[in-house]
Amino acid sequence: MGSEPTMLLQGTLDLLILNSLVAGEMHGLGISRRIQQITRGTFVVKPGSLFPALHRMEDEGWISAFWGDSENNRRAKFYRLTKAGRKQLEVETKRWDRISLAITQALEAS
């Protein structure tokens, strides 16, 4: 891959956020860093995309939030995966598996 960050496909941000929170609760910047880390820098999630997604996912009940202190003693909102979020992660993972298999098959058919 090139050095340019890649745009996320519709729906993949939820999958990456949920997957990031499996490791434990994190604040928004931590989630963004974790996504960049687990995708080896391929995806860089900007606050303008991350925070609306986190709020929506909180409204859906997939994550819960609480206020705490970050590693540099700043007040930050932390997020954790809920039971519903773990179920949604399964749903999103299966959906992604179907999509990636279909794309792979389409490319192999060329």
N, C-alpha and C. Protein backbone atom coordinates (compact mmCIF):
# COMPACT_ATOMS: atom_id res chain seq x y z
N MET A 1 0.83 -1.19 0.00
CA MET A 1 0.00 0.00 0.00
C MET A 1 0.87 1.25 0.00
N GLY A 2 0.33 2.34 -0.50
CA GLY A 2 1.05 3.60 -0.51
C GLY A 2 1.07 4.22 0.88
N SER A 3 1.66 5.39 0.95
CA SER A 3 1.77 6.07 2.23
C SER A 3 0.54 6.93 2.54
N GLU A 4 -0.34 7.07 1.58
CA GLU A 4 -1.55 7.86 1.78
C GLU A 4 -2.58 7.07 2.58
N PRO A 5 -3.23 7.70 3.58
CA PRO A 5 -4.31 7.01 4.29
C PRO A 5 -5.45 6.70 3.31
N THR A 6 -6.14 5.60 3.54
CA THR A 6 -7.21 5.16 2.68
C THR A 6 -8.56 5.57 3.26
N MET A 7 -9.49 5.93 2.38
CA MET A 7 -10.85 6.26 2.83
C MET A 7 -11.53 4.97 3.27
N LEU A 8 -12.32 5.06 4.33
CA LEU A 8 -13.06 3.91 4.82
C LEU A 8 -14.29 3.67 3.96
N LEU A 9 -14.58 2.42 3.68
CA LEU A 9 -15.81 2.08 2.99
C LEU A 9 -16.97 2.28 3.95
N GLN A 10 -18.14 2.58 3.41
CA GLN A 10 -19.33 2.76 4.21
C GLN A 10 -19.55 1.54 5.11
N GLY A 11 -19.74 1.77 6.39
CA GLY A 11 -20.02 0.66 7.31
C GLY A 11 -18.80 0.05 7.97
N THR A 12 -17.61 0.27 7.43
CA THR A 12 -16.44 -0.36 8.02
C THR A 12 -15.97 0.35 9.28
N LEU A 13 -16.31 1.62 9.45
CA LEU A 13 -15.90 2.34 10.64
C LEU A 13 -16.49 1.69 11.89
N ASP A 14 -17.77 1.33 11.84
CA ASP A 14 -18.40 0.66 12.98
C ASP A 14 -17.65 -0.61 13.34
N LEU A 15 -17.33 -1.40 12.34
CA LEU A 15 -16.61 -2.65 12.55
C LEU A 15 -15.26 -2.39 13.22
N LEU A 16 -14.52 -1.40 12.75
CA LEU A 16 -13.21 -1.09 13.31
C LEU A 16 -13.30 -0.54 14.73
N ILE A 17 -14.30 0.29 15.01
CA ILE A 17 -14.48 0.82 16.36
C ILE A 17 -14.83 -0.30 17.32
N LEU A 18 -15.81 -1.13 16.95
CA LEU A 18 -16.22 -2.24 17.82
C LEU A 18 -15.04 -3.17 18.07
N ASN A 19 -14.29 -3.48 17.02
CA ASN A 19 -13.14 -4.36 17.15
C ASN A 19 -12.07 -3.75 18.07
N SER A 20 -11.89 -2.45 17.98
CA SER A 20 -10.90 -1.76 18.83
C SER A 20 -11.26 -1.87 20.30
N LEU A 21 -12.55 -1.84 20.60
CA LEU A 21 -12.99 -1.85 21.99
C LEU A 21 -13.01 -3.24 22.62
N VAL A 22 -12.79 -4.28 21.82
CA VAL A 22 -12.70 -5.63 22.38
C VAL A 22 -11.55 -5.69 23.38
N ALA A 23 -10.48 -4.96 23.11
CA ALA A 23 -9.29 -4.96 23.97
C ALA A 23 -9.55 -4.26 25.31
N GLY A 24 -10.60 -3.46 25.40
CA GLY A 24 -10.91 -2.75 26.64
C GLY A 24 -11.37 -1.34 26.36
N GLU A 25 -11.79 -0.66 27.41
CA GLU A 25 -12.31 0.70 27.26
C GLU A 25 -11.22 1.66 26.83
N MET A 26 -11.63 2.65 26.04
CA MET A 26 -10.70 3.65 25.52
C MET A 26 -11.42 4.96 25.30
N HIS A 27 -10.65 6.05 25.31
CA HIS A 27 -11.21 7.35 24.93
C HIS A 27 -11.10 7.48 23.41
N GLY A 28 -11.73 8.51 22.87
CA GLY A 28 -11.79 8.67 21.42
C GLY A 28 -10.44 8.67 20.73
N LEU A 29 -9.49 9.42 21.26
CA LEU A 29 -8.17 9.46 20.63
C LEU A 29 -7.51 8.09 20.68
N GLY A 30 -7.72 7.36 21.77
CA GLY A 30 -7.18 6.01 21.88
C GLY A 30 -7.77 5.08 20.83
N ILE A 31 -9.07 5.23 20.58
CA ILE A 31 -9.74 4.41 19.55
C ILE A 31 -9.15 4.72 18.18
N SER A 32 -8.99 6.02 17.90
CA SER A 32 -8.41 6.44 16.62
C SER A 32 -7.00 5.86 16.45
N ARG A 33 -6.19 5.94 17.50
CA ARG A 33 -4.83 5.39 17.44
C ARG A 33 -4.86 3.88 17.25
N ARG A 34 -5.77 3.21 17.95
CA ARG A 34 -5.86 1.75 17.85
C ARG A 34 -6.24 1.33 16.43
N ILE A 35 -7.17 2.03 15.82
CA ILE A 35 -7.57 1.71 14.43
C ILE A 35 -6.37 1.89 13.50
N GLN A 36 -5.65 2.97 13.69
CA GLN A 36 -4.46 3.20 12.86
C GLN A 36 -3.44 2.08 13.08
N GLN A 37 -3.29 1.66 14.34
CA GLN A 37 -2.33 0.60 14.67
C GLN A 37 -2.74 -0.74 14.07
N ILE A 38 -4.00 -1.15 14.28
CA ILE A 38 -4.41 -2.49 13.82
C ILE A 38 -4.53 -2.57 12.31
N THR A 39 -4.64 -1.41 11.63
CA THR A 39 -4.68 -1.42 10.17
C THR A 39 -3.32 -1.04 9.59
N ARG A 40 -2.31 -1.01 10.44
CA ARG A 40 -0.93 -0.68 10.05
C ARG A 40 -0.86 0.65 9.28
N GLY A 41 -1.64 1.61 9.76
CA GLY A 41 -1.61 2.94 9.18
C GLY A 41 -2.44 3.13 7.92
N THR A 42 -3.12 2.08 7.49
CA THR A 42 -3.94 2.20 6.28
C THR A 42 -5.12 3.14 6.49
N PHE A 43 -5.74 3.07 7.69
CA PHE A 43 -6.89 3.93 7.98
C PHE A 43 -6.55 4.90 9.10
N VAL A 44 -6.76 6.17 8.82
CA VAL A 44 -6.61 7.23 9.81
C VAL A 44 -8.00 7.84 9.98
N VAL A 45 -8.56 7.71 11.18
CA VAL A 45 -9.92 8.19 11.43
C VAL A 45 -9.85 9.56 12.08
N LYS A 46 -10.40 10.54 11.39
CA LYS A 46 -10.41 11.91 11.87
C LYS A 46 -11.56 12.10 12.87
N PRO A 47 -11.40 13.06 13.80
CA PRO A 47 -12.46 13.32 14.79
C PRO A 47 -13.83 13.59 14.17
N GLY A 48 -13.86 14.24 13.01
CA GLY A 48 -15.12 14.55 12.34
C GLY A 48 -15.89 13.32 11.89
N SER A 49 -15.21 12.20 11.75
CA SER A 49 -15.86 10.92 11.42
C SER A 49 -16.05 10.07 12.67
N LEU A 50 -15.05 10.09 13.55
CA LEU A 50 -15.06 9.22 14.72
C LEU A 50 -16.17 9.57 15.70
N PHE A 51 -16.24 10.83 16.12
CA PHE A 51 -17.15 11.18 17.20
C PHE A 51 -18.63 11.06 16.82
N PRO A 52 -19.04 11.44 15.61
CA PRO A 52 -20.43 11.16 15.25
C PRO A 52 -20.75 9.65 15.27
N ALA A 53 -19.78 8.84 14.83
CA ALA A 53 -19.98 7.38 14.85
C ALA A 53 -20.11 6.88 16.29
N LEU A 54 -19.25 7.37 17.18
CA LEU A 54 -19.32 6.96 18.58
C LEU A 54 -20.66 7.35 19.20
N HIS A 55 -21.13 8.55 18.93
CA HIS A 55 -22.42 9.00 19.47
C HIS A 55 -23.56 8.13 18.94
N ARG A 56 -23.53 7.84 17.64
CA ARG A 56 -24.56 7.00 17.04
C ARG A 56 -24.53 5.59 17.65
N MET A 57 -23.33 5.05 17.83
CA MET A 57 -23.20 3.71 18.38
C MET A 57 -23.63 3.66 19.85
N GLU A 58 -23.41 4.75 20.54
CA GLU A 58 -23.89 4.84 21.93
C GLU A 58 -25.42 4.87 21.94
N ASP A 59 -26.02 5.63 21.01
CA ASP A 59 -27.48 5.67 20.89
C ASP A 59 -28.06 4.29 20.56
N GLU A 60 -27.32 3.51 19.75
CA GLU A 60 -27.75 2.16 19.38
C GLU A 60 -27.61 1.17 20.53
N GLY A 61 -26.83 1.55 21.56
CA GLY A 61 -26.61 0.67 22.70
C GLY A 61 -25.45 -0.30 22.50
N TRP A 62 -24.63 -0.08 21.46
CA TRP A 62 -23.51 -0.97 21.18
C TRP A 62 -22.30 -0.66 22.05
N ILE A 63 -22.22 0.61 22.50
CA ILE A 63 -21.15 1.02 23.40
C ILE A 63 -21.77 1.84 24.51
N SER A 64 -21.08 1.92 25.64
CA SER A 64 -21.47 2.82 26.71
C SER A 64 -20.31 3.77 26.95
N ALA A 65 -20.60 4.89 27.59
CA ALA A 65 -19.57 5.91 27.79
C ALA A 65 -19.59 6.41 29.23
N PHE A 66 -18.42 6.85 29.67
CA PHE A 66 -18.30 7.46 30.99
C PHE A 66 -17.12 8.44 30.95
N TRP A 67 -17.13 9.40 31.85
CA TRP A 67 -16.06 10.38 31.91
C TRP A 67 -14.97 9.90 32.85
N GLY A 68 -13.72 10.14 32.46
CA GLY A 68 -12.57 9.77 33.27
C GLY A 68 -11.38 10.62 32.89
N ASP A 69 -10.24 10.28 33.46
CA ASP A 69 -9.01 11.02 33.17
C ASP A 69 -8.15 10.21 32.20
N SER A 70 -7.65 10.89 31.18
CA SER A 70 -6.77 10.25 30.19
C SER A 70 -5.38 10.06 30.79
N GLU A 71 -4.49 9.45 30.01
CA GLU A 71 -3.13 9.19 30.48
C GLU A 71 -2.35 10.47 30.80
N ASN A 72 -2.77 11.60 30.23
CA ASN A 72 -2.11 12.87 30.55
C ASN A 72 -2.98 13.74 31.47
N ASN A 73 -3.84 13.07 32.26
CA ASN A 73 -4.68 13.70 33.28
C ASN A 73 -5.65 14.74 32.73
N ARG A 74 -6.08 14.55 31.51
CA ARG A 74 -7.13 15.41 30.93
C ARG A 74 -8.45 14.67 31.02
N ARG A 75 -9.51 15.41 31.22
CA ARG A 75 -10.84 14.81 31.28
C ARG A 75 -11.20 14.31 29.88
N ALA A 76 -11.65 13.07 29.79
CA ALA A 76 -11.98 12.49 28.48
C ALA A 76 -13.16 11.53 28.64
N LYS A 77 -13.89 11.38 27.58
CA LYS A 77 -15.00 10.43 27.55
C LYS A 77 -14.45 9.08 27.09
N PHE A 78 -14.67 8.07 27.90
CA PHE A 78 -14.22 6.72 27.60
C PHE A 78 -15.39 5.88 27.11
N TYR A 79 -15.10 4.94 26.24
CA TYR A 79 -16.12 4.09 25.64
C TYR A 79 -15.78 2.64 25.92
N ARG A 80 -16.84 1.84 26.13
CA ARG A 80 -16.64 0.40 26.31
C ARG A 80 -17.72 -0.34 25.52
N LEU A 81 -17.38 -1.53 25.13
CA LEU A 81 -18.28 -2.40 24.37
C LEU A 81 -19.35 -2.95 25.31
N THR A 82 -20.59 -2.97 24.86
CA THR A 82 -21.68 -3.57 25.62
C THR A 82 -21.96 -4.98 25.08
N LYS A 83 -22.83 -5.69 25.73
CA LYS A 83 -23.22 -7.02 25.25
C LYS A 83 -23.83 -6.90 23.84
N ALA A 84 -24.67 -5.90 23.65
CA ALA A 84 -25.26 -5.66 22.32
C ALA A 84 -24.17 -5.32 21.31
N GLY A 85 -23.14 -4.62 21.75
CA GLY A 85 -22.03 -4.27 20.87
C GLY A 85 -21.23 -5.49 20.44
N ARG A 86 -21.07 -6.44 21.35
CA ARG A 86 -20.38 -7.69 21.00
C ARG A 86 -21.18 -8.46 19.95
N LYS A 87 -22.51 -8.47 20.09
CA LYS A 87 -23.37 -9.12 19.09
C LYS A 87 -23.25 -8.40 17.75
N GLN A 88 -23.26 -7.07 17.80
CA GLN A 88 -23.16 -6.29 16.57
C GLN A 88 -21.82 -6.51 15.90
N LEU A 89 -20.76 -6.66 16.68
CA LEU A 89 -19.44 -6.96 16.12
C LEU A 89 -19.48 -8.27 15.34
N GLU A 90 -20.17 -9.26 15.86
CA GLU A 90 -20.33 -10.54 15.14
C GLU A 90 -21.06 -10.32 13.82
N VAL A 91 -22.16 -9.56 13.88
CA VAL A 91 -22.96 -9.28 12.68
C VAL A 91 -22.11 -8.55 11.64
N GLU A 92 -21.40 -7.51 12.08
CA GLU A 92 -20.57 -6.71 11.16
C GLU A 92 -19.42 -7.53 10.59
N THR A 93 -18.83 -8.41 11.41
CA THR A 93 -17.74 -9.25 10.93
C THR A 93 -18.22 -10.22 9.87
N LYS A 94 -19.37 -10.85 10.09
CA LYS A 94 -19.93 -11.77 9.09
C LYS A 94 -20.27 -11.02 7.80
N ARG A 95 -20.82 -9.82 7.94
CA ARG A 95 -21.16 -9.00 6.78
C ARG A 95 -19.88 -8.68 5.99
N TRP A 96 -18.83 -8.26 6.71
CA TRP A 96 -17.58 -7.92 6.05
C TRP A 96 -16.98 -9.15 5.37
N ASP A 97 -17.04 -10.31 6.01
CA ASP A 97 -16.52 -11.54 5.41
C ASP A 97 -17.22 -11.83 4.08
N ARG A 98 -18.55 -11.63 4.05
CA ARG A 98 -19.31 -11.85 2.80
C ARG A 98 -18.87 -10.87 1.72
N ILE A 99 -18.73 -9.60 2.10
CA ILE A 99 -18.34 -8.56 1.14
C ILE A 99 -16.94 -8.83 0.60
N SER A 100 -15.99 -9.11 1.49
CA SER A 100 -14.61 -9.30 1.03
C SER A 100 -14.48 -10.56 0.18
N LEU A 101 -15.23 -11.61 0.50
CA LEU A 101 -15.22 -12.83 -0.33
C LEU A 101 -15.79 -12.53 -1.72
N ALA A 102 -16.88 -11.78 -1.77
CA ALA A 102 -17.48 -11.45 -3.06
C ALA A 102 -16.53 -10.61 -3.92
N ILE A 103 -15.85 -9.66 -3.31
CA ILE A 103 -14.89 -8.84 -4.06
C ILE A 103 -13.73 -9.69 -4.55
N THR A 104 -13.21 -10.55 -3.68
CA THR A 104 -12.10 -11.45 -4.07
C THR A 104 -12.53 -12.31 -5.25
N GLN A 105 -13.73 -12.89 -5.18
CA GLN A 105 -14.22 -13.74 -6.26
C GLN A 105 -14.38 -12.95 -7.56
N ALA A 106 -14.86 -11.73 -7.44
CA ALA A 106 -15.05 -10.88 -8.63
C ALA A 106 -13.69 -10.58 -9.27
N LEU A 107 -12.69 -10.28 -8.46
CA LEU A 107 -11.37 -9.96 -9.00
C LEU A 107 -10.71 -11.18 -9.62
N GLU A 108 -10.92 -12.36 -9.04
CA GLU A 108 -10.36 -13.59 -9.58
C GLU A 108 -11.04 -13.99 -10.90
N ALA A 109 -12.27 -13.55 -11.09
CA ALA A 109 -13.01 -13.89 -12.30
C ALA A 109 -12.57 -13.05 -13.50
N SER A 110 -11.84 -11.99 -13.25
CA SER A 110 -11.41 -11.09 -14.34
C SER A 110 -10.42 -11.75 -15.26
